[in-house]
Amino acid sequence: MENRTLSAPGSVDSIPGKGNAEDHVSNSTWCARKAMNVVENTRAVISGEILIACQALSSVADISTDYPVADSTQNILNTIRKSIPYRDQGDVWYAIDMENAEQLLMQGAYLNAVAASGITIE
């Protein structure tokens, strides 16, 4: 929702200047800041989706042995589990796990995990 609002074009905030003789005001800096926020939010969403998908896969691992996941998915799960343990006991505060998942994203660990399965990433 926040990204949708931040994605509104900067031109909608343009105001006339110089007694309506000029109708342009540079919004470049504001638009760049909005774009940076969209990227940060998107990074957090993607990291969270990957983390929770791995949590779900770990939750059903014992009962889904007849239905293996793709190599690339397994590699991502293995990558996550190297630094973020499976949590299955009680309430969990995921803030630190989310930060770790985002660091893995920023380091390219997920892309490397997919590439290690033989999928070409361009």
N, C-alpha and C. Protein backbone atom coordinates (compact mmCIF):
# COMPACT_ATOMS: atom_id res chain seq x y z
N MET A 1 0.82 -1.18 0.00
CA MET A 1 0.00 0.00 0.00
C MET A 1 0.87 1.26 0.00
N GLU A 2 1.90 1.22 0.83
CA GLU A 2 2.80 2.38 0.89
C GLU A 2 3.51 2.57 -0.45
N ASN A 3 3.94 1.47 -1.06
CA ASN A 3 4.63 1.58 -2.35
C ASN A 3 3.71 2.15 -3.42
N ARG A 4 2.44 1.79 -3.37
CA ARG A 4 1.51 2.33 -4.37
C ARG A 4 1.43 3.85 -4.23
N THR A 5 1.35 4.33 -3.00
CA THR A 5 1.30 5.77 -2.77
C THR A 5 2.60 6.44 -3.19
N LEU A 6 3.72 5.81 -2.84
CA LEU A 6 5.02 6.38 -3.20
C LEU A 6 5.28 6.37 -4.70
N SER A 7 4.56 5.53 -5.43
CA SER A 7 4.78 5.41 -6.87
C SER A 7 4.00 6.43 -7.69
N ALA A 8 3.23 7.26 -7.03
CA ALA A 8 2.52 8.31 -7.76
C ALA A 8 3.55 9.24 -8.40
N PRO A 9 3.31 9.65 -9.64
CA PRO A 9 4.30 10.52 -10.31
C PRO A 9 4.49 11.84 -9.57
N GLY A 10 5.72 12.29 -9.55
CA GLY A 10 6.04 13.55 -8.90
C GLY A 10 5.36 14.74 -9.55
N SER A 11 4.98 14.60 -10.80
CA SER A 11 4.34 15.71 -11.51
C SER A 11 3.01 16.11 -10.89
N VAL A 12 2.35 15.21 -10.15
CA VAL A 12 1.09 15.57 -9.52
C VAL A 12 1.31 16.58 -8.41
N ASP A 13 2.54 16.68 -7.92
CA ASP A 13 2.85 17.64 -6.87
C ASP A 13 3.47 18.92 -7.42
N SER A 14 3.54 19.02 -8.73
CA SER A 14 4.13 20.21 -9.34
C SER A 14 3.20 21.41 -9.12
N ILE A 15 3.80 22.53 -8.84
CA ILE A 15 3.02 23.74 -8.61
C ILE A 15 3.57 24.85 -9.51
N PRO A 16 2.71 25.74 -9.94
CA PRO A 16 3.19 26.84 -10.78
C PRO A 16 4.06 27.81 -9.97
N GLY A 17 5.00 28.39 -10.64
CA GLY A 17 5.87 29.35 -10.00
C GLY A 17 5.89 30.65 -10.79
N LYS A 18 6.48 31.68 -10.24
CA LYS A 18 6.67 32.97 -10.89
C LYS A 18 5.34 33.53 -11.41
N GLY A 19 4.38 33.61 -10.49
CA GLY A 19 3.09 34.20 -10.84
C GLY A 19 2.39 33.46 -11.96
N ASN A 20 2.46 32.16 -11.98
CA ASN A 20 1.86 31.28 -12.98
C ASN A 20 2.52 31.40 -14.36
N ALA A 21 3.65 32.10 -14.43
CA ALA A 21 4.35 32.22 -15.72
C ALA A 21 5.14 30.95 -16.00
N GLU A 22 5.53 30.26 -14.97
CA GLU A 22 6.26 29.00 -15.13
C GLU A 22 5.48 27.92 -14.38
N ASP A 23 5.23 26.82 -15.04
CA ASP A 23 4.42 25.79 -14.41
C ASP A 23 5.22 24.52 -14.12
N HIS A 24 6.49 24.71 -13.91
CA HIS A 24 7.30 23.53 -13.57
C HIS A 24 8.13 23.80 -12.32
N VAL A 25 8.19 22.80 -11.49
CA VAL A 25 9.03 22.82 -10.30
C VAL A 25 9.72 21.47 -10.27
N SER A 26 11.00 21.48 -10.14
CA SER A 26 11.73 20.22 -10.14
C SER A 26 11.38 19.39 -8.90
N ASN A 27 10.93 18.19 -9.14
CA ASN A 27 10.62 17.27 -8.05
C ASN A 27 11.59 16.10 -8.06
N SER A 28 12.72 16.26 -8.71
CA SER A 28 13.66 15.16 -8.87
C SER A 28 14.15 14.58 -7.55
N THR A 29 14.51 15.44 -6.64
CA THR A 29 15.03 14.96 -5.36
C THR A 29 13.95 14.19 -4.61
N TRP A 30 12.75 14.74 -4.56
CA TRP A 30 11.65 14.08 -3.87
C TRP A 30 11.33 12.73 -4.54
N CYS A 31 11.32 12.71 -5.85
CA CYS A 31 11.04 11.46 -6.57
C CYS A 31 12.13 10.42 -6.32
N ALA A 32 13.37 10.84 -6.26
CA ALA A 32 14.46 9.91 -5.97
C ALA A 32 14.33 9.34 -4.56
N ARG A 33 13.94 10.19 -3.61
CA ARG A 33 13.74 9.69 -2.25
C ARG A 33 12.58 8.72 -2.17
N LYS A 34 11.51 9.01 -2.92
CA LYS A 34 10.38 8.08 -2.94
C LYS A 34 10.80 6.75 -3.56
N ALA A 35 11.56 6.80 -4.64
CA ALA A 35 12.03 5.57 -5.29
C ALA A 35 12.91 4.75 -4.35
N MET A 36 13.74 5.42 -3.58
CA MET A 36 14.59 4.73 -2.61
C MET A 36 13.73 4.01 -1.56
N ASN A 37 12.68 4.68 -1.10
CA ASN A 37 11.77 4.05 -0.13
C ASN A 37 11.06 2.84 -0.73
N VAL A 38 10.67 2.94 -1.99
CA VAL A 38 10.01 1.81 -2.67
C VAL A 38 10.96 0.62 -2.74
N VAL A 39 12.22 0.88 -3.09
CA VAL A 39 13.21 -0.20 -3.17
C VAL A 39 13.41 -0.84 -1.80
N GLU A 40 13.54 -0.03 -0.76
CA GLU A 40 13.72 -0.57 0.59
C GLU A 40 12.52 -1.40 1.03
N ASN A 41 11.33 -0.89 0.77
CA ASN A 41 10.12 -1.64 1.13
C ASN A 41 10.02 -2.95 0.36
N THR A 42 10.34 -2.91 -0.92
CA THR A 42 10.27 -4.11 -1.75
C THR A 42 11.28 -5.15 -1.30
N ARG A 43 12.45 -4.69 -0.94
CA ARG A 43 13.48 -5.59 -0.42
C ARG A 43 12.98 -6.29 0.84
N ALA A 44 12.32 -5.56 1.73
CA ALA A 44 11.79 -6.14 2.96
C ALA A 44 10.68 -7.15 2.66
N VAL A 45 9.82 -6.83 1.71
CA VAL A 45 8.73 -7.74 1.35
C VAL A 45 9.28 -9.03 0.76
N ILE A 46 10.21 -8.91 -0.18
CA ILE A 46 10.78 -10.10 -0.82
C ILE A 46 11.50 -10.96 0.21
N SER A 47 12.27 -10.33 1.08
CA SER A 47 12.98 -11.07 2.13
C SER A 47 12.01 -11.80 3.04
N GLY A 48 10.94 -11.13 3.42
CA GLY A 48 9.93 -11.74 4.27
C GLY A 48 9.24 -12.91 3.59
N GLU A 49 8.93 -12.75 2.31
CA GLU A 49 8.29 -13.83 1.56
C GLU A 49 9.19 -15.05 1.48
N ILE A 50 10.46 -14.83 1.21
CA ILE A 50 11.41 -15.96 1.14
C ILE A 50 11.55 -16.62 2.50
N LEU A 51 11.68 -15.81 3.55
CA LEU A 51 11.84 -16.35 4.90
C LEU A 51 10.63 -17.20 5.30
N ILE A 52 9.44 -16.70 5.08
CA ILE A 52 8.23 -17.42 5.50
C ILE A 52 8.00 -18.63 4.61
N ALA A 53 8.35 -18.56 3.33
CA ALA A 53 8.24 -19.73 2.45
C ALA A 53 9.18 -20.83 2.95
N CYS A 54 10.37 -20.46 3.36
CA CYS A 54 11.32 -21.44 3.90
C CYS A 54 10.81 -22.01 5.22
N GLN A 55 10.19 -21.17 6.03
CA GLN A 55 9.60 -21.65 7.28
C GLN A 55 8.51 -22.68 6.97
N ALA A 56 7.68 -22.40 5.98
CA ALA A 56 6.61 -23.33 5.61
C ALA A 56 7.19 -24.64 5.08
N LEU A 57 8.22 -24.56 4.23
CA LEU A 57 8.84 -25.78 3.71
C LEU A 57 9.45 -26.61 4.83
N SER A 58 10.08 -25.96 5.77
CA SER A 58 10.66 -26.69 6.91
C SER A 58 9.57 -27.31 7.77
N SER A 59 8.42 -26.65 7.86
CA SER A 59 7.32 -27.15 8.67
C SER A 59 6.73 -28.45 8.12
N VAL A 60 6.75 -28.60 6.81
CA VAL A 60 6.15 -29.79 6.20
C VAL A 60 7.18 -30.79 5.69
N ALA A 61 8.44 -30.56 6.00
CA ALA A 61 9.51 -31.41 5.46
C ALA A 61 9.31 -32.89 5.79
N ASP A 62 8.87 -33.19 6.99
CA ASP A 62 8.71 -34.59 7.40
C ASP A 62 7.59 -35.31 6.65
N ILE A 63 6.56 -34.59 6.26
CA ILE A 63 5.41 -35.24 5.62
C ILE A 63 5.39 -35.06 4.10
N SER A 64 6.38 -34.37 3.56
CA SER A 64 6.36 -34.11 2.12
C SER A 64 7.54 -34.75 1.38
N THR A 65 8.10 -35.80 1.96
CA THR A 65 9.29 -36.42 1.34
C THR A 65 8.98 -37.01 -0.04
N ASP A 66 7.73 -37.34 -0.31
CA ASP A 66 7.36 -37.86 -1.62
C ASP A 66 7.21 -36.76 -2.67
N TYR A 67 7.29 -35.51 -2.23
CA TYR A 67 7.11 -34.38 -3.12
C TYR A 67 8.27 -33.40 -2.97
N PRO A 68 9.44 -33.76 -3.48
CA PRO A 68 10.61 -32.90 -3.30
C PRO A 68 10.45 -31.57 -4.05
N VAL A 69 11.06 -30.55 -3.49
CA VAL A 69 11.05 -29.24 -4.14
C VAL A 69 12.15 -29.20 -5.20
N ALA A 70 12.09 -28.21 -6.06
CA ALA A 70 13.11 -28.03 -7.09
C ALA A 70 14.47 -27.78 -6.45
N ASP A 71 15.51 -28.12 -7.18
CA ASP A 71 16.88 -27.92 -6.67
C ASP A 71 17.12 -26.47 -6.27
N SER A 72 16.63 -25.54 -7.10
CA SER A 72 16.86 -24.12 -6.79
C SER A 72 16.17 -23.74 -5.48
N THR A 73 14.97 -24.24 -5.27
CA THR A 73 14.25 -23.95 -4.03
C THR A 73 14.98 -24.56 -2.83
N GLN A 74 15.45 -25.78 -3.00
CA GLN A 74 16.19 -26.44 -1.92
C GLN A 74 17.47 -25.68 -1.60
N ASN A 75 18.13 -25.17 -2.63
CA ASN A 75 19.36 -24.40 -2.41
C ASN A 75 19.08 -23.11 -1.63
N ILE A 76 17.96 -22.45 -1.94
CA ILE A 76 17.59 -21.25 -1.19
C ILE A 76 17.28 -21.62 0.26
N LEU A 77 16.54 -22.70 0.45
CA LEU A 77 16.24 -23.15 1.81
C LEU A 77 17.52 -23.45 2.58
N ASN A 78 18.46 -24.13 1.94
CA ASN A 78 19.74 -24.42 2.59
C ASN A 78 20.50 -23.14 2.93
N THR A 79 20.45 -22.17 2.03
CA THR A 79 21.11 -20.89 2.26
C THR A 79 20.52 -20.19 3.48
N ILE A 80 19.20 -20.16 3.55
CA ILE A 80 18.53 -19.54 4.70
C ILE A 80 18.92 -20.25 5.98
N ARG A 81 18.87 -21.56 5.96
CA ARG A 81 19.09 -22.34 7.18
C ARG A 81 20.54 -22.27 7.69
N LYS A 82 21.47 -21.85 6.86
CA LYS A 82 22.85 -21.67 7.33
C LYS A 82 22.93 -20.54 8.35
N SER A 83 22.05 -19.54 8.23
CA SER A 83 22.13 -18.40 9.15
C SER A 83 20.84 -18.14 9.92
N ILE A 84 19.74 -18.74 9.49
CA ILE A 84 18.46 -18.52 10.18
C ILE A 84 17.86 -19.88 10.50
N PRO A 85 17.79 -20.23 11.77
CA PRO A 85 17.28 -21.56 12.12
C PRO A 85 15.77 -21.67 11.91
N TYR A 86 15.33 -22.91 11.73
CA TYR A 86 13.89 -23.19 11.68
C TYR A 86 13.33 -22.97 13.07
N ARG A 87 12.26 -22.24 13.17
CA ARG A 87 11.68 -21.92 14.48
C ARG A 87 10.30 -22.56 14.57
N ASP A 88 10.18 -23.53 15.46
CA ASP A 88 8.90 -24.23 15.58
C ASP A 88 8.40 -24.32 17.02
N GLN A 89 8.97 -23.56 17.90
CA GLN A 89 8.57 -23.61 19.31
C GLN A 89 8.08 -22.24 19.78
N GLY A 90 6.81 -22.15 20.11
CA GLY A 90 6.26 -20.94 20.71
C GLY A 90 6.24 -19.73 19.80
N ASP A 91 5.97 -18.60 20.40
CA ASP A 91 5.93 -17.34 19.67
C ASP A 91 7.35 -16.94 19.28
N VAL A 92 7.46 -16.35 18.13
CA VAL A 92 8.77 -15.96 17.61
C VAL A 92 8.74 -14.49 17.21
N TRP A 93 9.75 -13.77 17.59
CA TRP A 93 9.95 -12.39 17.14
C TRP A 93 10.86 -12.47 15.93
N TYR A 94 10.33 -12.18 14.75
CA TYR A 94 11.04 -12.40 13.50
C TYR A 94 11.90 -11.21 13.05
N ALA A 95 12.00 -10.16 13.81
CA ALA A 95 12.72 -8.96 13.35
C ALA A 95 14.17 -9.27 12.99
N ILE A 96 14.86 -10.01 13.83
CA ILE A 96 16.27 -10.32 13.56
C ILE A 96 16.37 -11.26 12.36
N ASP A 97 15.47 -12.24 12.29
CA ASP A 97 15.47 -13.14 11.14
C ASP A 97 15.19 -12.38 9.85
N MET A 98 14.28 -11.42 9.91
CA MET A 98 13.98 -10.60 8.73
C MET A 98 15.21 -9.80 8.30
N GLU A 99 15.91 -9.24 9.26
CA GLU A 99 17.13 -8.48 8.93
C GLU A 99 18.17 -9.40 8.30
N ASN A 100 18.32 -10.60 8.84
CA ASN A 100 19.27 -11.55 8.26
C ASN A 100 18.85 -11.98 6.87
N ALA A 101 17.56 -12.21 6.67
CA ALA A 101 17.06 -12.60 5.34
C ALA A 101 17.29 -11.48 4.33
N GLU A 102 17.13 -10.25 4.78
CA GLU A 102 17.36 -9.11 3.88
C GLU A 102 18.84 -8.96 3.55
N GLN A 103 19.70 -9.21 4.51
CA GLN A 103 21.14 -9.17 4.24
C GLN A 103 21.52 -10.22 3.21
N LEU A 104 20.95 -11.40 3.32
CA LEU A 104 21.22 -12.45 2.32
C LEU A 104 20.78 -12.00 0.94
N LEU A 105 19.63 -11.34 0.87
CA LEU A 105 19.14 -10.82 -0.41
C LEU A 105 20.12 -9.80 -0.98
N MET A 106 20.54 -8.87 -0.14
CA MET A 106 21.43 -7.80 -0.60
C MET A 106 22.81 -8.33 -1.00
N GLN A 107 23.23 -9.44 -0.41
CA GLN A 107 24.51 -10.05 -0.75
C GLN A 107 24.42 -10.93 -2.00
N GLY A 108 23.21 -11.13 -2.51
CA GLY A 108 23.05 -11.97 -3.69
C GLY A 108 23.04 -13.46 -3.39
N ALA A 109 22.86 -13.81 -2.12
CA ALA A 109 22.93 -15.23 -1.73
C ALA A 109 21.83 -16.05 -2.38
N TYR A 110 20.64 -15.49 -2.54
CA TYR A 110 19.55 -16.24 -3.15
C TYR A 110 19.80 -16.47 -4.63
N LEU A 111 20.29 -15.44 -5.31
CA LEU A 111 20.63 -15.60 -6.73
C LEU A 111 21.73 -16.63 -6.91
N ASN A 112 22.72 -16.60 -6.04
CA ASN A 112 23.79 -17.59 -6.11
C ASN A 112 23.27 -19.00 -5.86
N ALA A 113 22.31 -19.13 -4.94
CA ALA A 113 21.72 -20.44 -4.66
C ALA A 113 20.96 -20.97 -5.87
N VAL A 114 20.25 -20.10 -6.53
CA VAL A 114 19.52 -20.50 -7.75
C VAL A 114 20.51 -20.85 -8.85
N ALA A 115 21.53 -20.02 -9.02
CA ALA A 115 22.54 -20.29 -10.05
C ALA A 115 23.25 -21.61 -9.80
N ALA A 116 23.45 -21.96 -8.54
CA ALA A 116 24.14 -23.22 -8.21
C ALA A 116 23.32 -24.44 -8.64
N SER A 117 22.04 -24.25 -8.87
CA SER A 117 21.20 -25.36 -9.33
C SER A 117 21.24 -25.51 -10.84
N GLY A 118 22.00 -24.64 -11.51
CA GLY A 118 22.14 -24.75 -12.96
C GLY A 118 21.26 -23.80 -13.75
N ILE A 119 20.50 -22.98 -13.06
CA ILE A 119 19.65 -22.01 -13.75
C ILE A 119 20.47 -20.77 -14.05
N THR A 120 20.43 -20.32 -15.29
CA THR A 120 21.18 -19.14 -15.69
C THR A 120 20.39 -17.89 -15.33
N ILE A 121 21.05 -16.96 -14.65
CA ILE A 121 20.43 -15.71 -14.25
C ILE A 121 21.15 -14.58 -14.96
N GLU A 122 20.40 -13.77 -15.63
CA GLU A 122 21.00 -12.64 -16.35
C GLU A 122 20.51 -11.34 -15.81
